Amino acid sequence: MSHHVVIVDDEPNIGLSLRLILEREKYRVSIFKSIAEFRARPLRADAWLVDVRLPDGSGIEILKQLRAADPNLPVVMISGQATIAEAVEATRAGAFDFLEKPLSRDKVLLTLQNAVEQRRLRDENARLREMVGSTQMVGASDSWQRTLDQASLAAASDARVLLLGESGTGKELLAAHIHQTSPFASGPFVKVNCAAIPADLLESELFGYEKGAFTGAAQMRRGKFELADGGTLFLDEVGDLSPAAQAKLLRVLQEGEVHRLGSEEVIRVNVRVVAATNRDLEQMAANGGFRQDLYYRLCVVPIRVPPLRERRDDIPALVNYFLEEFCRRNNFRGKMIDNEVLEALQAYHWPGNARELRNVVERMAILTRGDLIAVEAIPWELRNVRPTPSSLHDTRANAERDHIRRALEEHNWNISAAARALGLERTNLHKRLRALGVARVK
């Protein structure tokens, strides 16, 4: 998506040259020549370039008005004859940067790139604060509360955390929760989906690059580690990192330093790393599919995020949360959900976890005309698994029994190892084995 930049400058040559430079880099550009034009045609933009001295007043007036309306909006002041007092006033009013004429093409592009990226990170952090604060930390089940307790204990330190769990279980949400309750909360929260970025581009995304480092590198770009300095870097699907990227990541974790591609300059960073994966990294490391030394660097505090089928008691609360959120976002009247529908939702195995549950809730809300979501709204794939209320307890017990048995088999029925994997005390696991009738078949 192209970013929109507004230029406010009364010199035609300046406006034209900036337009040519920016449009060549795929920015959308609008130009005003005075404060009057700015006030007559309000525009929304991703960044502003404003001359300090305009024919009908000071550009600092525009700066103050823009920042009053949006404190996170990046406004870059430009001038060829500004006084020190004006520069100080602009800085105090919240100018992102102050560029002197004649303008350098590279300096303008770098400043705008940093401005837009900083705005994106601030918006993203605001969204995450709202998301975490509002709760998607929904759930009172033992397994979920155990996960939250572990996350809270880990958050208090600067230790690296590895979140383990299936897709859709809320690993990103938990990473945001760790960030927001950690000593790094005042810094940025930067996300990287290692599976979504092509292997040949991942290194440049993580570590940045210098102008001319490779074909197409028209300007310097900071990597995610630099952008996350003082905050948290969330490496989602870290098991998909290429061997080359793994080696460079290991060096950063060991030394706290990054090198942009095409540069030998050492850049020190202070970043808390939270990684996540839906793959068995321990097994991959044992088989040579993932570096063992990197695995141990990332897995200082491993936290298992339970799938939804292991926290069925949380489903009603999650359903109500998703339903209220959807109705509020779409200006729908509030809707209620029939108990029989909740029973069907609790009985389903949810291969897509909470993400799938959210989609189903939204689909039912959309397709229900009245205020009550009844059994007729249940999607076809859930209808054949609806239990009677009396069988609901059995469904939950079967799910727990299967989960414990899998953990035991994965650890060759070593009770201590299985208990650690399940996040249970050894004595508690023995109690659950007796209660559920789980025994090893000889």
Protein backbone atom coordinates (compact mmCIF):
# COMPACT_ATOMS: atom_id res chain seq x y z
CA MET A 1 0.00 0.00 0.00
CA SER A 2 1.43 3.40 -0.98
CA HIS A 3 1.83 6.04 1.70
CA HIS A 4 0.35 9.51 1.34
CA VAL A 5 2.63 12.50 1.96
CA VAL A 6 1.47 16.12 2.01
CA ILE A 7 3.95 18.89 1.17
CA VAL A 8 3.30 22.47 2.33
CA ASP A 9 5.75 24.81 0.59
CA ASP A 10 5.24 27.97 -1.48
CA GLU A 11 8.32 27.46 -3.69
CA PRO A 12 7.16 25.75 -6.93
CA ASN A 13 10.56 24.20 -7.63
CA ILE A 14 10.74 22.64 -4.17
CA GLY A 15 7.24 21.18 -4.45
CA LEU A 16 7.90 19.81 -7.95
CA SER A 17 11.25 18.24 -7.10
CA LEU A 18 9.85 16.63 -3.94
CA ARG A 19 6.87 15.30 -5.88
CA LEU A 20 9.15 13.70 -8.49
CA ILE A 21 11.40 12.15 -5.84
CA LEU A 22 8.53 10.76 -3.78
CA GLU A 23 6.35 9.53 -6.62
CA ARG A 24 9.33 7.65 -8.02
CA GLU A 25 9.40 5.81 -4.68
CA LYS A 26 5.65 5.04 -4.94
CA TYR A 27 4.42 7.67 -2.46
CA ARG A 28 1.15 9.49 -3.15
CA VAL A 29 1.77 13.23 -2.99
CA SER A 30 -0.40 16.29 -2.37
CA ILE A 31 0.91 19.87 -2.32
CA PHE A 32 -0.33 23.01 -0.53
CA LYS A 33 1.31 26.40 -0.98
CA SER A 34 -0.05 28.23 2.06
CA ILE A 35 -1.74 27.91 5.43
CA ALA A 36 -4.99 29.06 3.81
CA GLU A 37 -4.90 26.14 1.33
CA PHE A 38 -4.15 23.74 4.17
CA ARG A 39 -7.17 24.94 6.13
CA ALA A 40 -9.48 25.03 3.10
CA ARG A 41 -8.85 21.40 2.12
CA PRO A 42 -8.18 19.12 5.11
CA LEU A 43 -6.40 15.90 4.14
CA ARG A 44 -5.47 12.70 5.92
CA ALA A 45 -1.90 11.61 5.29
CA ASP A 46 0.77 9.28 6.63
CA ALA A 47 3.37 12.07 6.91
CA TRP A 48 3.74 15.81 6.27
CA LEU A 49 6.63 17.96 4.96
CA VAL A 50 5.99 21.55 6.06
CA ASP A 51 8.04 24.67 5.33
CA VAL A 52 8.63 26.82 8.40
CA ARG A 53 8.08 30.11 6.57
CA LEU A 54 4.98 30.41 4.40
CA PRO A 55 3.51 33.51 2.71
CA ASP A 56 0.64 33.81 5.17
CA GLY A 57 2.30 32.72 8.42
CA SER A 58 4.49 30.15 10.14
CA GLY A 59 4.38 26.48 9.23
CA ILE A 60 4.70 25.77 12.93
CA GLU A 61 0.99 26.69 13.18
CA ILE A 62 0.24 23.79 10.85
CA LEU A 63 2.53 21.53 12.91
CA LYS A 64 0.68 22.38 16.13
CA GLN A 65 -2.74 21.89 14.54
CA LEU A 66 -1.80 18.52 13.05
CA ARG A 67 -0.24 17.26 16.26
CA ALA A 68 -3.21 18.42 18.32
CA ALA A 69 -5.51 16.34 16.11
CA ASP A 70 -3.17 13.33 16.03
CA PRO A 71 -0.23 13.20 18.49
CA ASN A 72 1.39 10.30 16.59
CA LEU A 73 1.34 12.00 13.16
CA PRO A 74 4.90 12.52 11.85
CA VAL A 75 5.48 16.11 10.68
CA VAL A 76 8.87 16.99 9.18
CA MET A 77 9.72 20.70 9.11
CA ILE A 78 11.85 22.10 6.25
CA SER A 79 13.46 25.50 5.86
CA GLY A 80 16.29 27.39 4.27
CA GLN A 81 16.28 30.34 6.62
CA ALA A 82 14.78 29.32 9.92
CA THR A 83 16.23 30.73 13.11
CA ILE A 84 17.45 28.64 16.01
CA ALA A 85 14.43 29.83 17.97
CA GLU A 86 12.10 28.54 15.26
CA ALA A 87 13.89 25.19 15.18
CA VAL A 88 13.57 24.87 18.96
CA GLU A 89 9.87 25.82 18.82
CA ALA A 90 9.24 23.22 16.11
CA THR A 91 11.00 20.54 18.13
CA ARG A 92 9.01 21.38 21.25
CA ALA A 93 5.80 21.30 19.22
CA GLY A 94 6.57 17.68 18.25
CA ALA A 95 8.28 17.89 14.84
CA PHE A 96 9.60 14.48 13.81
CA ASP A 97 12.68 16.05 12.21
CA PHE A 98 14.00 19.36 10.87
CA LEU A 99 15.57 19.42 7.37
CA GLU A 100 17.51 22.34 5.97
CA LYS A 101 17.40 23.43 2.33
CA PRO A 102 18.80 22.59 -0.12
CA LEU A 103 17.19 19.23 0.52
CA SER A 104 19.12 16.02 0.04
CA ARG A 105 17.15 13.35 -1.82
CA ASP A 106 18.56 10.54 0.32
CA LYS A 107 17.97 12.45 3.55
CA VAL A 108 14.34 13.20 2.62
CA LEU A 109 13.63 9.57 1.70
CA LEU A 110 15.32 8.17 4.81
CA THR A 111 13.52 10.63 7.09
CA LEU A 112 10.14 9.82 5.57
CA GLN A 113 10.78 6.09 5.71
CA ASN A 114 11.64 6.31 9.41
CA ALA A 115 8.67 8.58 10.07
CA VAL A 116 6.16 6.26 8.40
CA GLU A 117 7.60 3.18 10.09
CA GLN A 118 7.54 4.84 13.51
CA ARG A 119 3.90 5.83 12.97
CA ARG A 120 3.04 2.26 11.97
CA LEU A 121 4.72 0.85 15.07
CA ARG A 122 2.97 3.33 17.36
CA ASP A 123 -0.41 2.52 15.83
CA GLU A 124 0.32 -1.19 16.13
CA ASN A 125 1.35 -0.83 19.77
CA ALA A 126 -1.80 1.15 20.51
CA ARG A 127 -3.86 -1.63 18.94
CA LEU A 128 -2.03 -4.24 20.97
CA ARG A 129 -2.49 -2.28 24.21
CA GLU A 130 -6.20 -2.05 23.53
CA MET A 131 -6.35 -5.72 22.57
CA VAL A 132 -4.48 -6.94 25.64
CA GLY A 133 -6.11 -4.51 28.02
CA SER A 134 -9.60 -5.28 26.80
CA THR A 135 -9.00 -8.87 27.42
CA GLN A 136 -8.62 -11.30 25.01
CA MET A 137 -6.93 -12.85 27.99
CA VAL A 138 -10.34 -14.48 28.36
CA GLY A 139 -10.43 -17.77 30.18
CA ALA A 140 -10.56 -19.27 33.65
CA SER A 141 -9.69 -22.89 32.85
CA ASP A 142 -6.78 -24.44 34.73
CA SER A 143 -4.70 -24.90 31.58
CA TRP A 144 -5.16 -21.30 30.43
CA GLN A 145 -4.54 -19.82 33.88
CA ARG A 146 -1.40 -21.91 34.18
CA THR A 147 -0.20 -20.51 30.85
CA LEU A 148 -0.96 -16.94 31.94
CA ASP A 149 0.84 -17.46 35.24
CA GLN A 150 3.94 -18.70 33.43
CA ALA A 151 3.78 -15.77 31.00
CA SER A 152 3.48 -13.25 33.84
CA LEU A 153 6.47 -14.73 35.66
CA ALA A 154 8.53 -14.69 32.46
CA ALA A 155 7.48 -11.13 31.61
CA ALA A 156 9.04 -9.73 34.78
CA SER A 157 12.52 -10.60 33.50
CA ASP A 158 14.39 -9.99 30.25
CA ALA A 159 14.62 -13.73 29.53
CA ARG A 160 13.78 -14.98 26.05
CA VAL A 161 10.49 -16.81 25.79
CA LEU A 162 9.51 -19.56 23.35
CA LEU A 163 5.76 -19.99 22.88
CA LEU A 164 4.78 -23.47 21.72
CA GLY A 165 1.36 -24.31 20.38
CA GLU A 166 -0.88 -24.92 17.42
CA SER A 167 -1.91 -22.20 14.97
CA GLY A 168 -4.75 -20.05 16.20
CA THR A 169 -4.19 -20.63 19.92
CA GLY A 170 -3.30 -17.00 20.67
CA LYS A 171 0.51 -17.03 20.70
CA GLU A 172 0.71 -13.49 19.27
CA LEU A 173 -1.73 -12.27 21.90
CA LEU A 174 0.30 -13.90 24.64
CA ALA A 175 3.50 -12.36 23.24
CA ALA A 176 1.83 -8.94 23.35
CA HIS A 177 0.73 -9.62 26.92
CA ILE A 178 4.31 -10.49 27.90
CA HIS A 179 5.56 -7.28 26.27
CA GLN A 180 2.94 -5.06 27.91
CA THR A 181 3.66 -6.44 31.39
CA SER A 182 7.45 -6.43 31.04
CA PRO A 183 10.22 -3.87 31.70
CA PHE A 184 10.21 -3.32 27.90
CA ALA A 185 6.58 -2.14 27.79
CA SER A 186 7.51 1.48 27.00
CA GLY A 187 9.41 0.36 23.90
CA PRO A 188 8.04 -0.88 20.57
CA PHE A 189 6.49 -4.29 19.95
CA VAL A 190 7.70 -5.41 16.53
CA LYS A 191 6.33 -8.53 14.82
CA VAL A 192 7.97 -10.69 12.17
CA ASN A 193 6.16 -13.64 10.61
CA CYS A 194 9.10 -15.80 9.58
CA ALA A 195 6.87 -18.07 7.48
CA ALA A 196 5.31 -15.24 5.46
CA ILE A 197 8.56 -13.65 4.24
CA PRO A 198 10.52 -15.34 1.43
CA ALA A 199 13.79 -16.84 2.65
CA ASP A 200 15.88 -14.55 0.42
CA LEU A 201 14.25 -11.45 1.95
CA LEU A 202 14.13 -12.48 5.60
CA GLU A 203 17.69 -11.42 6.43
CA SER A 204 17.13 -7.94 5.04
CA GLU A 205 13.86 -7.71 7.02
CA LEU A 206 15.53 -8.71 10.27
CA PHE A 207 18.84 -6.89 9.95
CA GLY A 208 18.21 -4.11 7.42
CA TYR A 209 20.41 -3.11 4.53
CA GLU A 210 22.49 -0.28 3.13
CA LYS A 211 21.79 1.51 -0.11
CA GLY A 212 23.20 -0.53 -2.98
CA ALA A 213 23.60 -3.69 -0.89
CA PHE A 214 21.72 -5.63 -3.59
CA THR A 215 19.69 -4.99 -6.71
CA GLY A 216 16.70 -2.88 -5.77
CA ALA A 217 18.19 -1.50 -2.55
CA ALA A 218 17.63 2.12 -3.55
CA GLN A 219 18.00 3.46 -0.01
CA MET A 220 19.12 2.39 3.44
CA ARG A 221 16.55 0.52 5.48
CA ARG A 222 16.64 -0.36 9.16
CA GLY A 223 15.83 -3.94 10.09
CA LYS A 224 13.32 -5.22 12.62
CA PHE A 225 15.99 -5.58 15.31
CA GLU A 226 16.86 -1.89 15.08
CA LEU A 227 13.19 -0.91 15.03
CA ALA A 228 12.58 -3.02 18.14
CA ASP A 229 15.50 -1.50 20.08
CA GLY A 230 14.38 -0.92 23.67
CA GLY A 231 11.32 -3.11 23.17
CA THR A 232 10.24 -6.60 22.16
CA LEU A 233 10.77 -8.46 18.89
CA PHE A 234 8.19 -11.19 18.29
CA LEU A 235 9.46 -13.87 15.90
CA ASP A 236 6.38 -15.81 14.87
CA GLU A 237 6.84 -19.23 13.22
CA VAL A 238 10.55 -19.10 14.04
CA GLY A 239 10.88 -22.74 12.96
CA ASP A 240 10.65 -21.56 9.34
CA LEU A 241 13.91 -19.57 9.46
CA SER A 242 16.45 -20.52 6.80
CA PRO A 243 19.84 -21.89 7.95
CA ALA A 244 21.54 -18.60 6.96
CA ALA A 245 19.04 -16.52 8.90
CA GLN A 246 19.39 -18.87 11.89
CA ALA A 247 23.16 -18.31 11.96
CA LYS A 248 22.77 -14.52 11.89
CA LEU A 249 20.02 -14.58 14.50
CA LEU A 250 22.24 -16.63 16.79
CA ARG A 251 25.01 -14.04 16.48
CA VAL A 252 22.63 -11.21 17.38
CA LEU A 253 21.35 -13.08 20.42
CA GLN A 254 24.90 -13.86 21.54
CA GLU A 255 26.42 -10.43 20.98
CA GLY A 256 23.52 -7.96 21.01
CA GLU A 257 24.79 -6.51 17.73
CA VAL A 258 23.47 -6.34 14.19
CA HIS A 259 25.09 -5.58 10.85
CA ARG A 260 22.96 -4.28 8.00
CA LEU A 261 23.46 -6.12 4.73
CA GLY A 262 26.21 -4.36 2.80
CA SER A 263 27.77 -2.80 5.90
CA GLU A 264 30.35 -3.74 8.52
CA GLU A 265 29.10 -1.09 10.93
CA VAL A 266 28.24 -2.56 14.34
CA ILE A 267 24.87 -1.48 15.68
CA ARG A 268 24.17 -2.28 19.34
CA VAL A 269 20.59 -3.22 20.17
CA ASN A 270 18.76 -3.99 23.41
CA VAL A 271 15.87 -6.20 22.37
CA ARG A 272 13.80 -8.73 24.27
CA VAL A 273 13.02 -11.65 21.94
CA VAL A 274 9.81 -13.67 22.19
CA ALA A 275 9.58 -16.46 19.61
CA ALA A 276 6.71 -18.76 18.69
CA THR A 277 6.21 -21.88 16.63
CA ASN A 278 3.64 -24.56 15.92
CA ARG A 279 6.43 -27.03 15.10
CA ASP A 280 8.40 -29.36 17.37
CA LEU A 281 11.62 -27.31 17.54
CA GLU A 282 13.24 -29.69 20.03
CA GLN A 283 12.78 -32.59 17.62
CA MET A 284 13.91 -30.44 14.66
CA ALA A 285 17.05 -29.50 16.57
CA ALA A 286 17.74 -33.16 17.37
CA ASN A 287 17.29 -34.09 13.70
CA GLY A 288 19.41 -31.24 12.35
CA GLY A 289 16.47 -29.27 10.94
CA PHE A 290 17.09 -26.39 13.35
CA ARG A 291 20.30 -25.22 15.00
CA GLN A 292 20.59 -26.69 18.49
CA ASP A 293 22.56 -23.73 19.80
CA LEU A 294 19.88 -21.33 18.53
CA TYR A 295 17.12 -23.49 19.99
CA TYR A 296 18.69 -23.30 23.44
CA ARG A 297 19.16 -19.53 23.08
CA LEU A 298 15.48 -19.05 22.25
CA CYS A 299 14.07 -21.63 24.65
CA VAL A 300 15.10 -20.03 27.95
CA VAL A 301 11.50 -20.00 29.14
CA PRO A 302 9.30 -22.37 27.10
CA ILE A 303 5.55 -21.83 27.50
CA ARG A 304 3.03 -24.22 26.02
CA VAL A 305 -0.13 -22.51 24.79
CA PRO A 306 -2.99 -25.03 25.04
CA PRO A 307 -5.29 -25.69 22.10
CA LEU A 308 -8.95 -24.79 22.48
CA ARG A 309 -10.04 -28.41 22.84
CA GLU A 310 -8.06 -28.56 26.11
CA ARG A 311 -9.81 -25.50 27.53
CA ARG A 312 -13.41 -26.16 26.60
CA ASP A 313 -14.64 -24.51 29.80
CA ASP A 314 -13.39 -21.21 28.36
CA ILE A 315 -15.48 -21.48 25.20
CA PRO A 316 -18.65 -19.77 26.54
CA ALA A 317 -16.65 -16.78 27.78
CA LEU A 318 -14.74 -16.56 24.48
CA VAL A 319 -17.97 -16.83 22.48
CA ASN A 320 -19.56 -13.97 24.43
CA TYR A 321 -16.44 -11.86 24.07
CA PHE A 322 -16.20 -12.42 20.31
CA LEU A 323 -19.93 -11.82 19.90
CA GLU A 324 -19.90 -8.53 21.84
CA GLU A 325 -16.80 -7.36 20.00
CA PHE A 326 -18.30 -8.17 16.60
CA CYS A 327 -21.64 -6.45 17.33
CA ARG A 328 -19.88 -3.36 18.66
CA ARG A 329 -17.52 -3.14 15.69
CA ASN A 330 -20.35 -3.47 13.17
CA ASN A 331 -22.96 -1.40 15.04
CA PHE A 332 -25.22 -4.46 15.42
CA ARG A 333 -27.75 -4.70 18.18
CA GLY A 334 -26.52 -6.94 20.96
CA LYS A 335 -27.25 -10.63 20.43
CA MET A 336 -27.64 -13.52 22.83
CA ILE A 337 -26.68 -17.12 22.22
CA ASP A 338 -28.77 -20.18 23.04
CA ASN A 339 -27.35 -22.66 25.56
CA GLU A 340 -27.76 -25.51 23.11
CA VAL A 341 -25.51 -23.62 20.68
CA LEU A 342 -22.88 -23.22 23.40
CA GLU A 343 -23.02 -26.96 24.06
CA ALA A 344 -22.42 -27.67 20.39
CA LEU A 345 -19.48 -25.26 20.34
CA GLN A 346 -17.98 -26.89 23.43
CA ALA A 347 -18.27 -30.35 21.88
CA TYR A 348 -16.47 -29.47 18.64
CA HIS A 349 -12.74 -30.26 18.40
CA TRP A 350 -11.69 -26.85 16.92
CA PRO A 351 -8.71 -27.69 14.68
CA GLY A 352 -8.36 -23.96 14.00
CA ASN A 353 -8.56 -23.11 17.71
CA ALA A 354 -9.69 -19.66 18.93
CA ARG A 355 -9.23 -18.16 15.46
CA GLU A 356 -11.72 -20.66 14.03
CA LEU A 357 -14.11 -20.05 16.94
CA ARG A 358 -14.08 -16.31 16.25
CA ASN A 359 -14.93 -16.92 12.59
CA VAL A 360 -17.82 -19.23 13.49
CA VAL A 361 -19.24 -16.74 16.00
CA GLU A 362 -19.09 -13.92 13.47
CA ARG A 363 -20.72 -16.10 10.79
CA MET A 364 -23.60 -17.00 13.12
CA ALA A 365 -24.07 -13.35 14.11
CA ILE A 366 -24.21 -12.26 10.47
CA LEU A 367 -26.70 -14.94 9.45
CA THR A 368 -29.04 -14.47 12.43
CA ARG A 369 -31.80 -11.91 11.82
CA GLY A 370 -33.09 -11.66 15.37
CA ASP A 371 -31.45 -11.12 18.73
CA LEU A 372 -31.08 -14.79 19.65
CA ILE A 373 -28.57 -17.07 17.95
CA ALA A 374 -30.38 -20.42 17.98
CA VAL A 375 -29.51 -23.96 16.91
CA GLU A 376 -30.50 -23.23 13.32
CA ALA A 377 -27.44 -20.97 13.04
CA ILE A 378 -24.98 -23.71 13.96
CA PRO A 379 -22.68 -24.37 10.96
CA TRP A 380 -23.15 -27.73 9.29
CA GLU A 381 -19.69 -29.01 10.26
CA LEU A 382 -20.61 -28.66 13.96
CA ARG A 383 -24.11 -30.15 13.84
CA ASN A 384 -23.12 -33.80 13.94
CA VAL A 385 -21.04 -33.38 17.09
CA ARG A 386 -23.68 -31.79 19.32
CA PRO A 387 -23.83 -33.76 22.56
CA THR A 388 -26.67 -33.92 24.97
CA PRO A 389 -25.97 -31.95 28.16
CA SER A 390 -25.41 -35.20 30.06
CA SER A 391 -22.58 -36.24 27.73
CA LEU A 392 -20.72 -32.95 27.88
CA HIS A 393 -18.68 -34.02 30.91
CA ASP A 394 -17.65 -37.20 29.12
CA THR A 395 -16.54 -35.19 26.08
CA ARG A 396 -14.26 -33.05 28.23
CA ALA A 397 -12.86 -36.03 30.07
CA ASN A 398 -12.12 -37.84 26.81
CA ALA A 399 -10.27 -34.80 25.47
CA GLU A 400 -8.14 -34.54 28.62
CA ARG A 401 -7.50 -38.30 28.61
CA ASP A 402 -6.31 -38.21 24.99
CA HIS A 403 -4.07 -35.20 25.65
CA ILE A 404 -2.38 -36.79 28.67
CA ARG A 405 -1.92 -40.10 26.88
CA ARG A 406 -0.23 -38.33 23.92
CA ALA A 407 2.15 -36.55 26.26
CA LEU A 408 3.04 -39.80 28.00
CA GLU A 409 3.63 -41.61 24.72
CA GLU A 410 5.80 -38.76 23.41
CA HIS A 411 7.99 -39.12 26.52
CA ASN A 412 8.00 -42.93 26.56
CA TRP A 413 5.76 -42.92 29.65
CA ASN A 414 8.29 -41.03 31.72
CA ILE A 415 5.94 -39.44 34.29
CA SER A 416 8.31 -36.62 35.27
CA ALA A 417 9.03 -35.60 31.66
CA ALA A 418 5.36 -35.78 30.69
CA ALA A 419 4.38 -33.69 33.73
CA ARG A 420 6.87 -30.98 32.73
CA ALA A 421 5.53 -30.96 29.18
CA LEU A 422 1.97 -30.65 30.47
CA GLY A 423 2.87 -27.93 32.97
CA LEU A 424 1.77 -30.11 35.91
CA GLU A 425 3.32 -31.20 39.16
CA ARG A 426 4.28 -34.88 39.09
CA THR A 427 1.87 -35.67 41.95
CA ASN A 428 -0.98 -33.86 40.19
CA LEU A 429 -0.39 -35.87 37.03
CA HIS A 430 -0.60 -39.09 39.05
CA LYS A 431 -3.95 -37.90 40.45
CA ARG A 432 -5.31 -37.14 36.99
CA LEU A 433 -4.14 -40.54 35.68
CA ARG A 434 -6.09 -42.28 38.44
CA ALA A 435 -9.17 -40.06 38.00
CA LEU A 436 -9.28 -40.55 34.24
CA GLY A 437 -8.35 -44.22 34.29
CA VAL A 438 -5.28 -43.77 32.12
CA ALA A 439 -2.93 -46.76 32.25
CA ARG A 440 -0.15 -48.02 30.06
CA VAL A 441 -1.11 -50.94 27.86
CA LYS A 442 1.53 -53.67 28.14
